[in-house]
Protein backbone atom coordinates (compact mmCIF):
# COMPACT_ATOMS: atom_id res chain seq x y z
CA MET A 1 7.82 -13.57 -19.35
CA THR A 2 4.46 -15.23 -18.60
CA PRO A 3 4.08 -17.35 -15.45
CA SER A 4 3.58 -21.05 -16.04
CA PRO A 5 -0.06 -22.11 -15.73
CA HIS A 6 1.19 -24.75 -13.27
CA SER A 7 3.03 -22.25 -11.04
CA PRO A 8 1.94 -22.05 -7.36
CA PRO A 9 -0.65 -19.34 -6.75
CA LEU A 10 0.61 -15.76 -6.57
CA ALA A 11 -0.49 -13.20 -3.98
CA VAL A 12 0.22 -9.48 -3.95
CA VAL A 13 0.09 -8.56 -0.25
CA ALA A 14 -0.32 -4.81 0.30
CA ILE A 15 0.50 -3.62 3.83
CA GLY A 16 -0.75 -0.20 4.92
CA GLY A 17 1.72 2.30 6.33
CA ASN A 18 -0.70 3.01 9.18
CA SER A 19 -1.05 -0.71 10.00
CA LEU A 20 2.69 -0.67 10.79
CA ILE A 21 1.98 1.88 13.53
CA LYS A 22 -0.29 0.11 16.00
CA ASN A 23 -0.61 2.98 18.44
CA ARG A 24 -0.79 6.62 17.30
CA ASP A 25 0.82 7.68 20.57
CA HIS A 26 3.85 5.46 19.92
CA PRO A 27 4.96 5.87 16.28
CA GLU A 28 8.64 5.38 17.14
CA VAL A 29 10.75 3.03 15.02
CA LYS A 30 11.00 0.54 17.91
CA HIS A 31 7.24 0.06 17.79
CA GLN A 32 7.20 -0.06 13.99
CA TRP A 33 9.66 -2.97 14.21
CA GLU A 34 7.27 -4.79 16.53
CA ALA A 35 4.40 -4.35 14.05
CA VAL A 36 6.55 -5.41 11.08
CA ARG A 37 7.72 -8.55 12.84
CA GLU A 38 4.18 -9.48 13.82
CA THR A 39 2.88 -8.92 10.28
CA CYS A 40 5.74 -10.93 8.79
CA THR A 41 4.91 -13.99 10.91
CA HIS A 42 1.57 -14.13 9.07
CA ILE A 43 3.05 -13.48 5.61
CA ALA A 44 5.62 -16.24 6.21
CA ARG A 45 2.76 -18.63 7.03
CA LEU A 46 1.18 -17.81 3.65
CA VAL A 47 4.49 -18.57 1.94
CA ARG A 48 4.80 -21.81 3.92
CA GLN A 49 1.34 -22.77 2.63
CA GLY A 50 2.65 -22.48 -0.94
CA TRP A 51 1.88 -18.92 -2.03
CA ARG A 52 4.36 -17.10 -4.21
CA THR A 53 4.30 -13.60 -2.74
CA VAL A 54 5.02 -9.99 -3.60
CA VAL A 55 4.79 -7.64 -0.62
CA THR A 56 3.98 -3.98 -1.18
CA HIS A 57 3.67 -1.40 1.57
CA GLY A 58 2.40 2.06 2.34
CA ASN A 59 4.53 4.90 3.67
CA GLY A 60 2.13 7.77 4.42
CA PRO A 61 3.01 8.23 8.10
CA GLN A 62 6.74 7.73 7.49
CA VAL A 63 6.82 10.25 4.61
CA GLY A 64 5.05 12.76 6.83
CA PHE A 65 7.61 12.29 9.61
CA ILE A 66 10.52 12.87 7.21
CA LEU A 67 8.86 15.99 5.80
CA ARG A 68 8.40 17.29 9.34
CA ARG A 69 12.07 16.64 10.07
CA ASN A 70 12.88 18.60 6.92
CA GLU A 71 10.84 21.53 8.19
CA LEU A 72 12.47 21.49 11.61
CA ALA A 73 15.98 21.14 10.16
CA ALA A 74 15.50 23.67 7.33
CA PRO A 75 17.68 26.39 8.97
CA GLU A 76 20.62 23.94 9.10
CA VAL A 77 20.19 21.24 6.41
CA HIS A 78 18.92 21.17 2.83
CA THR A 79 15.41 19.83 2.31
CA THR A 80 14.67 16.55 0.47
CA PRO A 81 12.43 16.26 -2.62
CA LEU A 82 9.31 14.13 -2.08
CA SER A 83 10.39 11.57 -4.72
CA LEU A 84 13.63 10.95 -2.77
CA ILE A 85 11.68 10.64 0.48
CA VAL A 86 9.59 7.89 -1.15
CA ALA A 87 12.83 6.19 -2.20
CA ASP A 88 14.18 6.55 1.35
CA THR A 89 11.09 4.89 2.81
CA GLN A 90 11.18 2.12 0.21
CA GLY A 91 14.67 1.32 1.44
CA SER A 92 13.98 1.58 5.17
CA ILE A 93 10.61 -0.19 5.30
CA GLY A 94 11.77 -2.70 2.68
CA TYR A 95 14.79 -3.48 4.84
CA MET A 96 12.54 -4.03 7.86
CA LEU A 97 10.19 -6.33 5.94
CA GLN A 98 13.06 -8.18 4.26
CA GLN A 99 14.90 -8.82 7.51
CA ALA A 100 11.77 -9.80 9.43
CA LEU A 101 10.59 -12.15 6.67
CA ASN A 102 13.97 -13.82 6.31
CA ASN A 103 14.08 -14.30 10.10
CA GLU A 104 10.61 -15.84 10.00
CA PHE A 105 11.55 -18.12 7.10
CA HIS A 106 14.50 -19.31 9.17
CA ARG A 107 12.33 -19.79 12.29
CA GLN A 108 9.52 -21.56 10.40
CA ASN A 109 11.95 -23.65 8.32
CA VAL A 110 10.71 -22.20 5.01
CA ALA A 111 13.18 -22.58 2.13
CA ARG A 112 12.69 -19.06 0.80
CA GLN A 113 14.46 -15.72 0.93
CA CYS A 114 13.17 -12.18 0.51
CA ILE A 115 14.67 -9.29 -1.45
CA THR A 116 13.61 -5.65 -1.81
CA LEU A 117 13.52 -3.92 -5.20
CA ILE A 118 13.55 -0.13 -5.33
CA THR A 119 10.66 0.51 -7.72
CA GLN A 120 9.80 3.46 -9.94
CA VAL A 121 6.21 3.92 -11.10
CA ARG A 122 5.39 6.14 -14.04
CA VAL A 123 2.53 8.63 -13.79
CA ASP A 124 1.05 11.07 -16.29
CA ALA A 125 2.52 14.55 -15.94
CA ASP A 126 -0.94 15.97 -16.76
CA ASP A 127 -2.76 13.89 -14.14
CA PRO A 128 -5.41 16.15 -12.54
CA ALA A 129 -4.34 14.87 -9.10
CA PHE A 130 -1.48 17.38 -9.18
CA GLU A 131 -4.10 20.13 -8.91
CA ASN A 132 -6.19 18.30 -6.28
CA PRO A 133 -4.07 16.73 -3.49
CA THR A 134 -5.91 13.94 -1.63
CA LYS A 135 -3.26 11.50 -0.33
CA PRO A 136 -2.91 11.72 3.49
CA ILE A 137 0.63 11.72 4.88
CA GLY A 138 2.07 12.02 8.36
CA GLY A 139 0.35 11.59 11.67
CA PHE A 140 -3.12 12.76 12.64
CA LEU A 141 -3.55 16.42 13.55
CA THR A 142 -5.94 18.29 15.78
CA ALA A 143 -8.12 20.90 14.08
CA GLU A 144 -5.88 23.61 15.59
CA MET A 145 -2.69 22.01 14.25
CA ALA A 146 -4.34 21.49 10.84
CA GLN A 147 -5.20 25.20 10.72
CA ARG A 148 -1.59 26.13 11.45
CA PHE A 149 -0.30 23.86 8.67
CA ALA A 150 -2.88 25.31 6.26
CA GLU A 151 -1.67 28.81 7.06
CA VAL A 152 1.88 27.95 5.95
CA GLY A 153 0.74 26.49 2.63
CA TRP A 154 -0.05 22.83 3.33
CA ARG A 155 -3.24 21.23 2.08
CA VAL A 156 -5.11 19.47 4.89
CA MET A 157 -8.22 17.29 4.99
CA GLU A 158 -10.18 15.24 7.50
CA ASP A 159 -9.34 11.54 7.25
CA ALA A 160 -12.43 9.32 7.72
CA GLY A 161 -13.44 11.02 10.96
CA ARG A 162 -10.15 10.07 12.66
CA GLY A 163 -8.57 13.53 12.59
CA TRP A 164 -6.92 15.93 10.19
CA ARG A 165 -3.90 15.09 8.05
CA ARG A 166 -1.74 16.82 5.49
CA VAL A 167 -2.35 15.72 1.91
CA VAL A 168 -0.22 15.63 -1.25
CA PRO A 169 -0.96 14.81 -4.92
CA SER A 170 -1.67 11.13 -5.64
CA PRO A 171 -1.56 10.59 -9.42
CA LYS A 172 -2.75 7.34 -10.95
CA PRO A 173 0.00 4.75 -11.61
CA VAL A 174 0.45 4.01 -15.32
CA GLU A 175 3.51 1.77 -15.61
CA ILE A 176 5.77 -0.12 -13.18
CA ILE A 177 9.24 0.43 -14.56
CA GLU A 178 10.86 -2.56 -12.83
CA GLN A 179 7.98 -4.97 -13.48
CA LYS A 180 10.05 -7.41 -15.54
CA ALA A 181 12.70 -7.64 -12.82
CA ILE A 182 9.99 -8.33 -10.20
CA GLN A 183 8.53 -11.07 -12.38
CA GLN A 184 11.91 -12.66 -13.06
CA ALA A 185 12.71 -12.67 -9.33
CA LEU A 186 9.40 -14.43 -8.62
CA GLU A 187 10.12 -17.03 -11.29
CA LEU A 188 13.46 -17.71 -9.59
CA GLY A 189 11.70 -18.34 -6.26
CA TRP A 190 12.35 -15.08 -4.43
CA ILE A 191 9.78 -13.44 -2.16
CA VAL A 192 9.83 -9.82 -3.33
CA VAL A 193 9.17 -6.51 -1.59
CA ALA A 194 8.35 -3.99 -4.34
CA CYS A 195 6.36 -0.85 -5.16
CA GLY A 196 6.96 0.47 -1.64
CA GLY A 197 4.86 3.54 -0.90
CA GLY A 198 3.14 3.03 -4.25
CA GLY A 199 6.47 3.35 -6.05
CA ILE A 200 8.72 6.36 -6.63
CA PRO A 201 6.57 8.61 -8.85
CA VAL A 202 8.30 9.44 -12.12
CA VAL A 203 7.30 10.97 -15.45
CA ARG A 204 8.91 10.50 -18.85
CA THR A 205 10.30 13.63 -20.46
CA PRO A 206 9.86 14.45 -24.17
CA GLN A 207 13.44 13.14 -24.56
CA GLY A 208 12.34 9.77 -23.12
CA GLU A 209 14.13 10.14 -19.77
CA LEU A 210 12.57 9.41 -16.37
CA ARG A 211 12.36 12.16 -13.76
CA GLY A 212 10.96 12.09 -10.24
CA VAL A 213 7.96 14.28 -9.35
CA SER A 214 6.54 15.61 -6.08
CA ALA A 215 3.74 13.19 -5.25
CA VAL A 216 2.89 9.95 -3.42
CA ILE A 217 1.16 7.18 -5.37
CA ASP A 218 -1.52 5.22 -3.57
CA LYS A 219 0.06 1.86 -2.76
CA ASP A 220 -3.17 -0.08 -3.26
CA ARG A 221 -3.61 1.26 -6.80
CA ALA A 222 0.03 0.47 -7.60
CA SER A 223 -0.39 -3.00 -6.06
CA ALA A 224 -3.45 -3.63 -8.23
CA LEU A 225 -1.52 -2.56 -11.34
CA LEU A 226 1.34 -4.89 -10.43
CA GLY A 227 -1.09 -7.73 -9.75
CA ILE A 228 -2.81 -7.21 -13.10
CA HIS A 229 0.44 -7.45 -15.05
CA LEU A 230 1.65 -10.43 -13.01
CA ARG A 231 -1.76 -12.16 -13.48
CA ALA A 232 -1.86 -12.62 -9.69
CA ASP A 233 -4.44 -14.91 -8.13
CA LEU A 234 -4.96 -12.71 -5.08
CA LEU A 235 -4.73 -9.05 -4.12
CA LEU A 236 -4.62 -9.11 -0.31
CA ILE A 237 -4.89 -5.64 1.25
CA SER A 238 -3.85 -5.43 4.89
CA THR A 239 -5.27 -2.43 6.73
CA GLY A 240 -6.41 -1.30 10.18
CA VAL A 241 -9.77 -3.10 10.23
CA GLU A 242 -10.74 -6.77 10.09
CA LYS A 243 -13.54 -6.24 7.55
CA VAL A 244 -14.86 -3.58 5.21
CA ALA A 245 -17.99 -1.96 6.65
CA LEU A 246 -20.98 0.02 5.48
CA HIS A 247 -21.93 3.06 7.61
CA PHE A 248 -18.47 2.83 9.20
CA GLY A 249 -18.20 4.33 12.68
CA THR A 250 -21.95 4.75 13.15
CA PRO A 251 -24.54 2.75 15.15
CA GLN A 252 -25.68 1.31 11.79
CA GLN A 253 -22.22 -0.10 10.95
CA ARG A 254 -22.46 -3.41 9.07
CA ASP A 255 -19.37 -5.50 8.40
CA LEU A 256 -19.16 -7.26 5.04
CA ASP A 257 -17.96 -10.84 4.56
CA ARG A 258 -18.24 -10.74 0.77
CA MET A 259 -18.81 -8.29 -2.08
CA THR A 260 -19.27 -8.73 -5.79
CA LEU A 261 -17.87 -6.20 -8.24
CA GLU A 262 -21.36 -4.85 -8.80
CA GLU A 263 -21.94 -4.40 -5.07
CA ALA A 264 -18.55 -2.74 -4.60
CA ARG A 265 -19.34 -0.19 -7.32
CA ARG A 266 -22.79 0.48 -5.83
CA TYR A 267 -21.56 0.91 -2.26
CA MET A 268 -18.83 3.25 -3.47
CA ALA A 269 -21.34 5.33 -5.45
CA GLU A 270 -23.48 5.55 -2.29
CA GLY A 271 -20.54 7.15 -0.46
CA HIS A 272 -19.78 4.39 2.04
CA PHE A 273 -16.00 4.51 1.62
CA ALA A 274 -13.93 7.51 2.72
CA GLU A 275 -11.54 9.32 0.37
CA GLY A 276 -7.92 8.64 1.31
CA SER A 277 -8.96 5.69 3.48
CA MET A 278 -11.13 2.74 2.33
CA LYS A 279 -12.21 4.21 -1.02
CA PRO A 280 -8.84 3.77 -2.82
CA LYS A 281 -8.68 0.19 -1.52
CA ILE A 282 -12.07 -0.63 -3.03
CA GLU A 283 -11.10 1.17 -6.27
CA ALA A 284 -7.91 -0.90 -6.40
CA CYS A 285 -9.85 -4.14 -5.95
CA ILE A 286 -12.30 -3.17 -8.69
CA ASP A 287 -9.44 -2.34 -11.06
CA PHE A 288 -7.60 -5.58 -10.20
CA LEU A 289 -10.66 -7.73 -10.92
CA GLU A 290 -11.81 -5.87 -14.02
CA ARG A 291 -8.44 -5.88 -15.81
CA ASN A 292 -6.74 -9.04 -14.56
CA PRO A 293 -6.75 -11.75 -17.27
CA ASN A 294 -6.57 -14.42 -14.55
CA PRO A 295 -10.13 -15.84 -14.29
CA GLU A 296 -9.50 -17.16 -10.75
CA ALA A 297 -8.46 -13.80 -9.30
CA PHE A 298 -10.06 -12.43 -6.13
CA CYS A 299 -9.38 -9.79 -3.46
CA LEU A 300 -9.30 -9.78 0.32
CA ILE A 301 -9.26 -6.86 2.76
CA THR A 302 -8.44 -7.47 6.45
CA ASP A 303 -6.02 -6.51 9.23
CA PRO A 304 -2.47 -7.89 9.57
CA GLU A 305 -3.21 -10.44 12.29
CA ASN A 306 -5.97 -12.02 10.18
CA LEU A 307 -4.13 -12.44 6.87
CA VAL A 308 -3.98 -16.23 7.01
CA ARG A 309 -7.50 -16.64 8.42
CA ALA A 310 -8.84 -14.41 5.63
CA VAL A 311 -7.16 -16.52 2.94
CA GLN A 312 -8.70 -19.60 4.57
CA GLY A 313 -12.14 -17.99 4.33
CA GLU A 314 -12.61 -17.46 8.06
CA THR A 315 -12.71 -13.65 8.18
CA GLY A 316 -11.96 -10.50 6.19
CA THR A 317 -13.95 -9.15 3.26
CA ARG A 318 -13.68 -11.15 0.04
CA ILE A 319 -14.35 -9.32 -3.24
CA VAL A 320 -15.13 -11.45 -6.29
CA ARG A 321 -16.25 -10.89 -9.85
């Protein structure tokens, strides 16, 4: 099914799992609800302005918390495979986004409703990422805590100078299994939450069956893939900073209002964007623009409170061909 050329513009809005936790010292669900509701006021304003919208979301912190609960409960309760934990977080965060958006649509008198689709994303069983885990999950750790986790078999890495985190494999998304259902829902006027946490990672067996694997797909890469196949006009990545910066966190930091594809590739090659942090977002934007057949497509990166202002050209970092 191909969208009508006269359809309203389509945005894929990717919300970071960390941007749903405003304060590292208060990651509790009560505070996540506050962040979700605030973010959804801005997404609802985009919808009110005429954007058809797919919302994707990260789940790194939430996956880490569930894994930690597994560890603590291991003497009493069976552990949960990582693929099921991704499915769990798709349901829980999707429910939060769906409820908050529907409440905002009611409050703002927007004639739309939101649904959440549990989404599987196929990866290659031979992806080298399985041998080189890089996807941060869970909360930030001190160096001492990171050492303890490393001693019991976890891979750990420093996350953009903000602290240490556990990491898991992050294979490249190849196919969104429920893509046609997402597209049909959009054509019927639904606002859709999909590809939560990058999608439940699955591989196809030699017999043609799907099976979950132990990994977490980067949600920005999955969002770009979804946007490419939907011919989306905009990939809008919501994260913890208002603009992308060069020399981030240093006295030489320079915020960027705009980047071309060529500049994005060059800055990435120069090492400006941290692995597991800004780098996959820039890679996702490059992929979205290079492979999207929509000639009007562009990307934006900003924080949740500036989503609407970024679309209006007032802030954020705009990435264009």
